[in-house]
C-alpha atoms as a PDB file:
ATOM      1  CA  MET A   1      -7.223 -27.546 -11.924  1.00  0.00           C
ATOM      2  CA  ASN A   2      -6.979 -27.021 -15.661  1.00  0.00           C
ATOM      3  CA  LYS A   3      -5.612 -24.297 -17.926  1.00  0.00           C
ATOM      4  CA  ASN A   4      -8.988 -22.666 -18.499  1.00  0.00           C
ATOM      5  CA  ASP A   5      -9.692 -22.209 -14.797  1.00  0.00           C
ATOM      6  CA  PRO A   6      -9.434 -18.609 -13.582  1.00  0.00           C
ATOM      7  CA  ILE A   7      -6.616 -16.837 -11.790  1.00  0.00           C
ATOM      8  CA  ALA A   8      -8.073 -15.470  -8.549  1.00  0.00           C
ATOM      9  CA  VAL A   9      -6.995 -12.136  -7.102  1.00  0.00           C
ATOM     10  CA  PHE A  10      -8.006 -10.817  -3.679  1.00  0.00           C
ATOM     11  CA  ASP A  11      -7.401  -7.711  -1.626  1.00  0.00           C
ATOM     12  CA  SER A  12      -8.806  -5.935   1.400  1.00  0.00           C
ATOM     13  CA  GLY A  13     -10.863  -3.816  -1.001  1.00  0.00           C
ATOM     14  CA  VAL A  14     -10.499  -2.152  -4.381  1.00  0.00           C
ATOM     15  CA  GLY A  15      -6.724  -1.694  -4.085  1.00  0.00           C
ATOM     16  CA  GLY A  16      -5.764  -5.002  -5.677  1.00  0.00           C
ATOM     17  CA  ILE A  17      -7.435  -3.911  -8.892  1.00  0.00           C
ATOM     18  CA  SER A  18      -4.100  -2.176  -9.600  1.00  0.00           C
ATOM     19  CA  VAL A  19      -2.480  -5.651  -9.622  1.00  0.00           C
ATOM     20  CA  LEU A  20      -5.365  -7.149 -11.597  1.00  0.00           C
ATOM     21  CA  LYS A  21      -4.751  -4.545 -14.319  1.00  0.00           C
ATOM     22  CA  GLU A  22      -1.084  -5.588 -14.567  1.00  0.00           C
ATOM     23  CA  LEU A  23      -2.091  -9.255 -14.778  1.00  0.00           C
ATOM     24  CA  MET A  24      -4.650  -8.593 -17.499  1.00  0.00           C
ATOM     25  CA  LYS A  25      -2.091  -6.575 -19.448  1.00  0.00           C
ATOM     26  CA  LEU A  26       0.533  -9.346 -19.269  1.00  0.00           C
ATOM     27  CA  LEU A  27      -1.841 -12.321 -19.545  1.00  0.00           C
ATOM     28  CA  PRO A  28      -4.905 -11.078 -21.483  1.00  0.00           C
ATOM     29  CA  ASN A  29      -6.119 -14.563 -22.442  1.00  0.00           C
ATOM     30  CA  GLU A  30      -6.472 -15.754 -18.855  1.00  0.00           C
ATOM     31  CA  ASN A  31      -9.809 -15.830 -17.034  1.00  0.00           C
ATOM     32  CA  TYR A  32      -9.933 -13.915 -13.749  1.00  0.00           C
ATOM     33  CA  ILE A  33     -11.928 -13.686 -10.540  1.00  0.00           C
ATOM     34  CA  TYR A  34     -11.443 -10.618  -8.352  1.00  0.00           C
ATOM     35  CA  LEU A  35     -12.579 -10.442  -4.718  1.00  0.00           C
ATOM     36  CA  GLY A  36     -12.448  -7.157  -2.857  1.00  0.00           C
ATOM     37  CA  ASP A  37     -13.153  -7.399   0.869  1.00  0.00           C
ATOM     38  CA  SER A  38     -14.269  -3.783   1.239  1.00  0.00           C
ATOM     39  CA  LYS A  39     -16.605  -4.777   4.070  1.00  0.00           C
ATOM     40  CA  ASN A  40     -13.491  -5.338   6.219  1.00  0.00           C
ATOM     41  CA  ALA A  41     -11.157  -2.727   4.710  1.00  0.00           C
ATOM     42  CA  PRO A  42      -8.555  -1.716   5.609  1.00  0.00           C
ATOM     43  CA  TYR A  43      -6.579  -4.829   6.615  1.00  0.00           C
ATOM     44  CA  GLY A  44      -3.525  -2.738   7.464  1.00  0.00           C
ATOM     45  CA  THR A  45      -4.904  -1.493  10.779  1.00  0.00           C
ATOM     46  CA  LYS A  46      -6.199  -4.892  11.976  1.00  0.00           C
ATOM     47  CA  SER A  47      -4.464  -7.520  14.115  1.00  0.00           C
ATOM     48  CA  ALA A  48      -2.488 -10.349  12.527  1.00  0.00           C
ATOM     49  CA  GLU A  49      -5.067 -12.863  13.784  1.00  0.00           C
ATOM     50  CA  GLU A  50      -7.920 -10.989  12.093  1.00  0.00           C
ATOM     51  CA  ILE A  51      -6.016 -10.776   8.796  1.00  0.00           C
ATOM     52  CA  ILE A  52      -5.211 -14.499   8.821  1.00  0.00           C
ATOM     53  CA  LYS A  53      -8.903 -15.339   9.332  1.00  0.00           C
ATOM     54  CA  LEU A  54     -10.085 -12.900   6.665  1.00  0.00           C
ATOM     55  CA  SER A  55      -7.469 -14.112   4.168  1.00  0.00           C
ATOM     56  CA  ASN A  56      -8.486 -17.732   4.743  1.00  0.00           C
ATOM     57  CA  ASP A  57     -12.128 -16.779   4.162  1.00  0.00           C
ATOM     58  CA  ASP A  58     -11.152 -14.977   0.939  1.00  0.00           C
ATOM     59  CA  VAL A  59      -9.205 -17.979  -0.372  1.00  0.00           C
ATOM     60  CA  THR A  60     -11.982 -20.436   0.534  1.00  0.00           C
ATOM     61  CA  PHE A  61     -14.454 -18.331  -1.466  1.00  0.00           C
ATOM     62  CA  LEU A  62     -12.136 -18.154  -4.480  1.00  0.00           C
ATOM     63  CA  LEU A  63     -11.316 -21.859  -4.495  1.00  0.00           C
ATOM     64  CA  GLU A  64     -15.038 -22.618  -4.406  1.00  0.00           C
ATOM     65  CA  LYS A  65     -15.292 -20.503  -7.568  1.00  0.00           C
ATOM     66  CA  GLY A  66     -12.739 -22.781  -9.263  1.00  0.00           C
ATOM     67  CA  ALA A  67      -9.498 -20.806  -9.008  1.00  0.00           C
ATOM     68  CA  LYS A  68      -6.340 -22.462 -10.379  1.00  0.00           C
ATOM     69  CA  ALA A  69      -4.034 -19.933  -8.659  1.00  0.00           C
ATOM     70  CA  ILE A  70      -4.359 -17.282  -5.959  1.00  0.00           C
ATOM     71  CA  VAL A  71      -2.761 -13.844  -6.175  1.00  0.00           C
ATOM     72  CA  ILE A  72      -2.690 -12.042  -2.815  1.00  0.00           C
ATOM     73  CA  ALA A  73      -2.909  -8.484  -4.120  1.00  0.00           C
ATOM     74  CA  CYS A  74      -2.439  -7.022  -0.646  1.00  0.00           C
ATOM     75  CA  ASN A  75       0.914  -6.274   0.950  1.00  0.00           C
ATOM     76  CA  THR A  76      -0.457  -6.684   4.468  1.00  0.00           C
ATOM     77  CA  ALA A  77      -2.128 -10.040   3.780  1.00  0.00           C
ATOM     78  CA  THR A  78       1.030 -11.248   2.006  1.00  0.00           C
ATOM     79  CA  SER A  79       3.191 -10.322   5.002  1.00  0.00           C
ATOM     80  CA  VAL A  80       0.867 -11.891   7.564  1.00  0.00           C
ATOM     81  CA  ALA A  81      -1.012 -14.745   5.889  1.00  0.00           C
ATOM     82  CA  ALA A  82       0.837 -15.996   2.771  1.00  0.00           C
ATOM     83  CA  LYS A  83       3.062 -18.512   4.580  1.00  0.00           C
ATOM     84  CA  GLY A  84       0.117 -20.193   6.316  1.00  0.00           C
ATOM     85  CA  LEU A  85      -1.963 -20.262   3.136  1.00  0.00           C
ATOM     86  CA  ARG A  86       0.852 -21.955   1.203  1.00  0.00           C
ATOM     87  CA  GLU A  87       1.157 -24.582   3.914  1.00  0.00           C
ATOM     88  CA  LYS A  88      -2.610 -25.161   3.898  1.00  0.00           C
ATOM     89  CA  TYR A  89      -2.851 -25.377   0.080  1.00  0.00           C
ATOM     90  CA  PRO A  90       0.491 -26.820  -1.114  1.00  0.00           C
ATOM     91  CA  ASP A  91      -0.835 -27.745  -4.574  1.00  0.00           C
ATOM     92  CA  ILE A  92      -2.219 -24.288  -5.410  1.00  0.00           C
ATOM     93  CA  PRO A  93       0.162 -21.592  -6.716  1.00  0.00           C
ATOM     94  CA  ILE A  94      -0.177 -18.742  -4.198  1.00  0.00           C
ATOM     95  CA  ILE A  95       1.587 -15.556  -5.268  1.00  0.00           C
ATOM     96  CA  GLY A  96       2.057 -12.605  -2.928  1.00  0.00           C
ATOM     97  CA  ILE A  97       3.257  -9.035  -3.328  1.00  0.00           C
ATOM     98  CA  GLU A  98       5.885  -7.013  -1.504  1.00  0.00           C
ATOM     99  CA  PRO A  99       6.930  -3.342  -1.627  1.00  0.00           C
ATOM    100  CA  ALA A 100       9.139  -2.620  -4.657  1.00  0.00           C
ATOM    101  CA  VAL A 101      12.103  -1.593  -2.513  1.00  0.00           C
ATOM    102  CA  LYS A 102      14.788  -3.263  -4.654  1.00  0.00           C
ATOM    103  CA  PRO A 103      14.141  -1.344  -7.922  1.00  0.00           C
ATOM    104  CA  ALA A 104      13.735   1.890  -5.951  1.00  0.00           C
ATOM    105  CA  VAL A 105      17.099   1.370  -4.227  1.00  0.00           C
ATOM    106  CA  LEU A 106      18.887   0.415  -7.454  1.00  0.00           C
ATOM    107  CA  TYR A 107      17.465   3.396  -9.320  1.00  0.00           C
ATOM    108  CA  LYS A 108      20.271   5.732  -8.158  1.00  0.00           C
ATOM    109  CA  ILE A 109      23.504   5.623  -6.185  1.00  0.00           C
ATOM    110  CA  HIS A 110      22.531   5.765  -2.485  1.00  0.00           C
ATOM    111  CA  PRO A 111      19.072   7.279  -2.984  1.00  0.00           C
ATOM    112  CA  THR A 112      16.626   8.473  -0.358  1.00  0.00           C
ATOM    113  CA  VAL A 113      13.629   6.153  -0.609  1.00  0.00           C
ATOM    114  CA  ILE A 114      10.288   6.676   1.120  1.00  0.00           C
ATOM    115  CA  VAL A 115       8.214   3.512   1.525  1.00  0.00           C
ATOM    116  CA  MET A 116       4.514   4.257   1.941  1.00  0.00           C
ATOM    117  CA  ALA A 117       2.589   1.355   3.455  1.00  0.00           C
ATOM    118  CA  THR A 118       0.008   0.391   6.036  1.00  0.00           C
ATOM    119  CA  PRO A 119       1.192   0.350   9.665  1.00  0.00           C
ATOM    120  CA  LEU A 120       0.983  -3.450   9.926  1.00  0.00           C
ATOM    121  CA  THR A 121       3.014  -4.056   6.749  1.00  0.00           C
ATOM    122  CA  LEU A 122       5.788  -1.863   8.128  1.00  0.00           C
ATOM    123  CA  LYS A 123       5.722  -3.673  11.494  1.00  0.00           C
ATOM    124  CA  GLN A 124       6.268  -7.119   9.979  1.00  0.00           C
ATOM    125  CA  ASP A 125       9.634  -8.928  10.099  1.00  0.00           C
ATOM    126  CA  LYS A 126       9.400  -9.367   6.331  1.00  0.00           C
ATOM    127  CA  PHE A 127       9.637  -5.621   5.765  1.00  0.00           C
ATOM    128  CA  ASP A 128      12.436  -5.259   8.331  1.00  0.00           C
ATOM    129  CA  GLU A 129      14.458  -7.920   6.511  1.00  0.00           C
ATOM    130  CA  LEU A 130      13.829  -6.225   3.171  1.00  0.00           C
ATOM    131  CA  ALA A 131      14.871  -2.805   4.484  1.00  0.00           C
ATOM    132  CA  ARG A 132      17.957  -4.154   6.299  1.00  0.00           C
ATOM    133  CA  LYS A 133      19.104  -5.844   3.105  1.00  0.00           C
ATOM    134  CA  TYR A 134      19.614  -2.423   1.511  1.00  0.00           C
ATOM    135  CA  ASP A 135      20.740  -0.482   4.583  1.00  0.00           C
ATOM    136  CA  ASN A 136      24.136   0.303   3.045  1.00  0.00           C
ATOM    137  CA  ASP A 137      22.754   1.190  -0.372  1.00  0.00           C
ATOM    138  CA  ALA A 138      20.040   3.714   0.443  1.00  0.00           C
ATOM    139  CA  ASN A 139      18.418   5.882   3.062  1.00  0.00           C
ATOM    140  CA  ILE A 140      15.112   4.056   3.499  1.00  0.00           C
ATOM    141  CA  ILE A 141      12.331   5.890   5.320  1.00  0.00           C
ATOM    142  CA  ALA A 142       9.218   3.948   6.350  1.00  0.00           C
ATOM    143  CA  LEU A 143       6.075   6.079   6.199  1.00  0.00           C
ATOM    144  CA  PRO A 144       2.946   4.546   7.815  1.00  0.00           C
ATOM    145  CA  CYS A 145      -0.237   5.713   6.068  1.00  0.00           C
ATOM    146  CA  PRO A 146      -3.104   4.485   8.286  1.00  0.00           C
ATOM    147  CA  ASP A 147      -5.914   6.521   6.676  1.00  0.00           C
ATOM    148  CA  LEU A 148      -5.042   6.556   2.987  1.00  0.00           C
ATOM    149  CA  VAL A 149      -6.918   3.358   2.073  1.00  0.00           C
ATOM    150  CA  LYS A 150     -10.141   4.875   3.420  1.00  0.00           C
ATOM    151  CA  TYR A 151      -9.976   7.707   0.878  1.00  0.00           C
ATOM    152  CA  ILE A 152      -9.529   5.288  -2.028  1.00  0.00           C
ATOM    153  CA  GLU A 153     -12.299   2.979  -0.781  1.00  0.00           C
ATOM    154  CA  ARG A 154     -14.589   6.020  -0.879  1.00  0.00           C
ATOM    155  CA  GLY A 155     -13.584   6.674  -4.497  1.00  0.00           C
ATOM    156  CA  ILE A 156     -11.464   9.722  -3.652  1.00  0.00           C
ATOM    157  CA  VAL A 157      -8.494   9.245  -5.993  1.00  0.00           C
ATOM    158  CA  GLU A 158      -7.926  12.911  -6.812  1.00  0.00           C
ATOM    159  CA  GLY A 159      -8.995  16.376  -5.719  1.00  0.00           C
ATOM    160  CA  PRO A 160      -8.383  18.896  -2.917  1.00  0.00           C
ATOM    161  CA  GLU A 161      -9.349  16.614  -0.006  1.00  0.00           C
ATOM    162  CA  LEU A 162      -6.790  13.977  -1.014  1.00  0.00           C
ATOM    163  CA  ASP A 163      -4.163  16.607  -1.877  1.00  0.00           C
ATOM    164  CA  LYS A 164      -4.500  18.152   1.595  1.00  0.00           C
ATOM    165  CA  HIS A 165      -4.126  14.746   3.276  1.00  0.00           C
ATOM    166  CA  LEU A 166      -1.008  13.915   1.229  1.00  0.00           C
ATOM    167  CA  GLU A 167       0.529  17.332   1.955  1.00  0.00           C
ATOM    168  CA  GLU A 168       0.125  16.688   5.689  1.00  0.00           C
ATOM    169  CA  LEU A 169       1.511  13.154   5.304  1.00  0.00           C
ATOM    170  CA  PHE A 170       4.589  14.333   3.425  1.00  0.00           C
ATOM    171  CA  SER A 171       5.178  17.575   5.352  1.00  0.00           C
ATOM    172  CA  PRO A 172       8.114  16.146   7.407  1.00  0.00           C
ATOM    173  CA  PHE A 173       9.961  15.500   4.110  1.00  0.00           C
ATOM    174  CA  ARG A 174       9.248  18.834   2.444  1.00  0.00           C
ATOM    175  CA  TYR A 175      12.894  19.936   2.564  1.00  0.00           C
ATOM    176  CA  LEU A 176      14.404  16.505   2.001  1.00  0.00           C
ATOM    177  CA  LYS A 177      15.614  15.458  -1.445  1.00  0.00           C
ATOM    178  CA  VAL A 178      13.541  12.327  -2.073  1.00  0.00           C
ATOM    179  CA  ASP A 179      14.677  10.236  -5.042  1.00  0.00           C
ATOM    180  CA  SER A 180      12.110   7.425  -4.974  1.00  0.00           C
ATOM    181  CA  VAL A 181       8.713   6.705  -3.459  1.00  0.00           C
ATOM    182  CA  VAL A 182       7.577   3.095  -3.070  1.00  0.00           C
ATOM    183  CA  LEU A 183       3.818   2.525  -3.072  1.00  0.00           C
ATOM    184  CA  GLY A 184       3.784  -0.339  -0.581  1.00  0.00           C
ATOM    185  CA  CYS A 185       0.024  -0.924  -0.645  1.00  0.00           C
ATOM    186  CA  THR A 186      -1.918  -1.980  -3.722  1.00  0.00           C
ATOM    187  CA  HIS A 187      -4.453   0.801  -3.136  1.00  0.00           C
ATOM    188  CA  TYR A 188      -1.817   3.483  -3.651  1.00  0.00           C
ATOM    189  CA  PRO A 189      -1.177   3.090  -7.414  1.00  0.00           C
ATOM    190  CA  HIS A 190      -4.727   4.382  -7.887  1.00  0.00           C
ATOM    191  CA  ILE A 191      -3.492   7.749  -6.540  1.00  0.00           C
ATOM    192  CA  LYS A 192      -0.064   7.684  -8.182  1.00  0.00           C
ATOM    193  CA  GLU A 193      -0.649  11.007  -9.927  1.00  0.00           C
ATOM    194  CA  ALA A 194      -1.667  12.701  -6.648  1.00  0.00           C
ATOM    195  CA  VAL A 195       1.442  11.318  -4.895  1.00  0.00           C
ATOM    196  CA  ASN A 196       3.602  12.506  -7.782  1.00  0.00           C
ATOM    197  CA  LYS A 197       2.059  15.970  -7.555  1.00  0.00           C
ATOM    198  CA  ALA A 198       2.551  16.097  -3.773  1.00  0.00           C
ATOM    199  CA  PHE A 199       6.296  15.542  -4.309  1.00  0.00           C
ATOM    200  CA  GLY A 200       6.393  18.193  -7.029  1.00  0.00           C
ATOM    201  CA  TYR A 201       7.185  15.527  -9.659  1.00  0.00           C
ATOM    202  CA  ARG A 202      10.709  15.278  -8.193  1.00  0.00           C
ATOM    203  CA  ALA A 203      10.604  11.608  -7.186  1.00  0.00           C
ATOM    204  CA  THR A 204      10.306   8.394  -9.199  1.00  0.00           C
ATOM    205  CA  ILE A 205       7.337   6.242  -8.151  1.00  0.00           C
ATOM    206  CA  PHE A 206       7.593   2.440  -7.805  1.00  0.00           C
ATOM    207  CA  ASP A 207       5.006  -0.240  -7.062  1.00  0.00           C
ATOM    208  CA  GLY A 208       5.042  -4.039  -7.041  1.00  0.00           C
ATOM    209  CA  GLY A 209       2.147  -4.793  -9.405  1.00  0.00           C
ATOM    210  CA  SER A 210       4.088  -5.588 -12.575  1.00  0.00           C
ATOM    211  CA  GLY A 211       6.572  -7.770 -10.682  1.00  0.00           C
ATOM    212  CA  THR A 212       3.703  -9.744  -9.164  1.00  0.00           C
ATOM    213  CA  ALA A 213       2.194 -10.252 -12.619  1.00  0.00           C
ATOM    214  CA  ARG A 214       5.508 -11.568 -13.971  1.00  0.00           C
ATOM    215  CA  GLU A 215       5.889 -13.919 -11.001  1.00  0.00           C
ATOM    216  CA  THR A 216       2.336 -15.203 -11.551  1.00  0.00           C
ATOM    217  CA  LYS A 217       3.161 -15.978 -15.177  1.00  0.00           C
ATOM    218  CA  ARG A 218       6.347 -17.774 -14.136  1.00  0.00           C
ATOM    219  CA  ARG A 219       4.530 -19.898 -11.538  1.00  0.00           C
ATOM    220  CA  LEU A 220       1.782 -20.868 -13.991  1.00  0.00           C
ATOM    221  CA  GLU A 221       4.356 -21.814 -16.632  1.00  0.00           C
ATOM    222  CA  GLU A 222       6.135 -23.931 -14.044  1.00  0.00           C
ATOM    223  CA  LYS A 223       2.894 -25.805 -13.285  1.00  0.00           C
ATOM    224  CA  GLY A 224       1.821 -26.069 -16.939  1.00  0.00           C
ATOM    225  CA  LEU A 225      -1.274 -23.990 -16.147  1.00  0.00           C
ATOM    226  CA  LEU A 226      -0.973 -21.062 -18.576  1.00  0.00           C
ATOM    227  CA  ASN A 227      -4.162 -20.651 -20.587  1.00  0.00           C
ATOM    228  CA  ASP A 228      -3.341 -21.286 -24.271  1.00  0.00           C
ATOM    229  CA  SER A 229      -6.633 -19.895 -25.589  1.00  0.00           C
ATOM    230  CA  ALA A 230      -6.383 -17.354 -28.421  1.00  0.00           C
ATOM    231  CA  GLN A 231      -9.396 -15.461 -27.087  1.00  0.00           C
ATOM    232  CA  LYS A 232      -9.424 -12.685 -24.522  1.00  0.00           C
ATOM    233  CA  GLY A 233     -10.318 -14.013 -21.076  1.00  0.00           C
ATOM    234  CA  GLU A 234     -13.314 -13.189 -18.908  1.00  0.00           C
ATOM    235  CA  LEU A 235     -13.448 -11.386 -15.557  1.00  0.00           C
ATOM    236  CA  ARG A 236     -15.844 -11.980 -12.676  1.00  0.00           C
ATOM    237  CA  MET A 237     -15.781  -9.267 -10.027  1.00  0.00           C
ATOM    238  CA  PHE A 238     -16.993  -9.704  -6.433  1.00  0.00           C
ATOM    239  CA  ASN A 239     -16.985  -7.442  -3.401  1.00  0.00           C
ATOM    240  CA  THR A 240     -18.069  -8.325   0.139  1.00  0.00           C
ATOM    241  CA  LEU A 241     -19.729  -4.928   0.584  1.00  0.00           C
ATOM    242  CA  GLY A 242     -22.254  -5.946  -2.047  1.00  0.00           C
ATOM    243  CA  THR A 243     -23.381  -2.443  -3.066  1.00  0.00           C
ATOM    244  CA  GLN A 244     -23.793  -1.044  -6.564  1.00  0.00           C
ATOM    245  CA  GLU A 245     -21.559   1.884  -5.563  1.00  0.00           C
ATOM    246  CA  ILE A 246     -18.578  -0.348  -4.741  1.00  0.00           C
ATOM    247  CA  MET A 247     -19.016  -2.337  -7.961  1.00  0.00           C
ATOM    248  CA  ASP A 248     -19.175   0.909  -9.975  1.00  0.00           C
ATOM    249  CA  LEU A 249     -15.996   2.078  -8.246  1.00  0.00           C
ATOM    250  CA  SER A 250     -14.300  -1.256  -8.945  1.00  0.00           C
ATOM    251  CA  TYR A 251     -14.972  -1.047 -12.682  1.00  0.00           C
ATOM    252  CA  PHE A 252     -14.072   2.654 -12.723  1.00  0.00           C
ATOM    253  CA  LEU A 253     -10.650   1.877 -11.239  1.00  0.00           C
ATOM    254  CA  LEU A 254     -10.177  -1.077 -13.588  1.00  0.00           C
ATOM    255  CA  ASN A 255     -10.815   1.039 -16.653  1.00  0.00           C
ATOM    256  CA  ARG A 256      -9.144   4.235 -15.431  1.00  0.00           C
END
């Protein structure tokens, strides 16, 4: 590994591009590789065993491309596979992401916080521990969103079809005063405006992308691996689906 090697980012599809954008904003001189596994999206409805295998395949691909660090830009893969990956590759900085529950809880005195995430993320012990930690400070409501990733993978990030789906998703909370909404999947920041609209702009939206970018910077500094080039870095984008449509969508979301 050397300083000029790329930071690698992977996700179950195009969702992790929301994290990639935060990384590129904070560390513009770094080189990046992005891998979206849209062929197997979504991860959040698969078994833990499947996610571990897919995540290992993703990391193998990225290390073969020369990655100096791995960012798991997927809440589900972080919950299920990060521990095993760190044990397998102890010399590689491996940075995960988790739902931004803490800032959402601290935003107000005893707020009502809805955490949107994939079903598997919400079933993991890691999320239970996170939610229990703030039991006395907030009313935390876990909201499984099994179909939302599919909309975003199809490029539906706004419009009546998505609005209708979100209205149905949020209908049980229509008369509840919601203070904060946590986007607990990296796909969801791509539809932040639609989520905001569905709550009538009455809730503050949180996601974990910027925190993951800051943690990546800290880990690279710790290892002496920050790129000290004065030039803007390069990006290589890959997707397992391999179609022009998915690559067009990837760059659309990156530049949106």
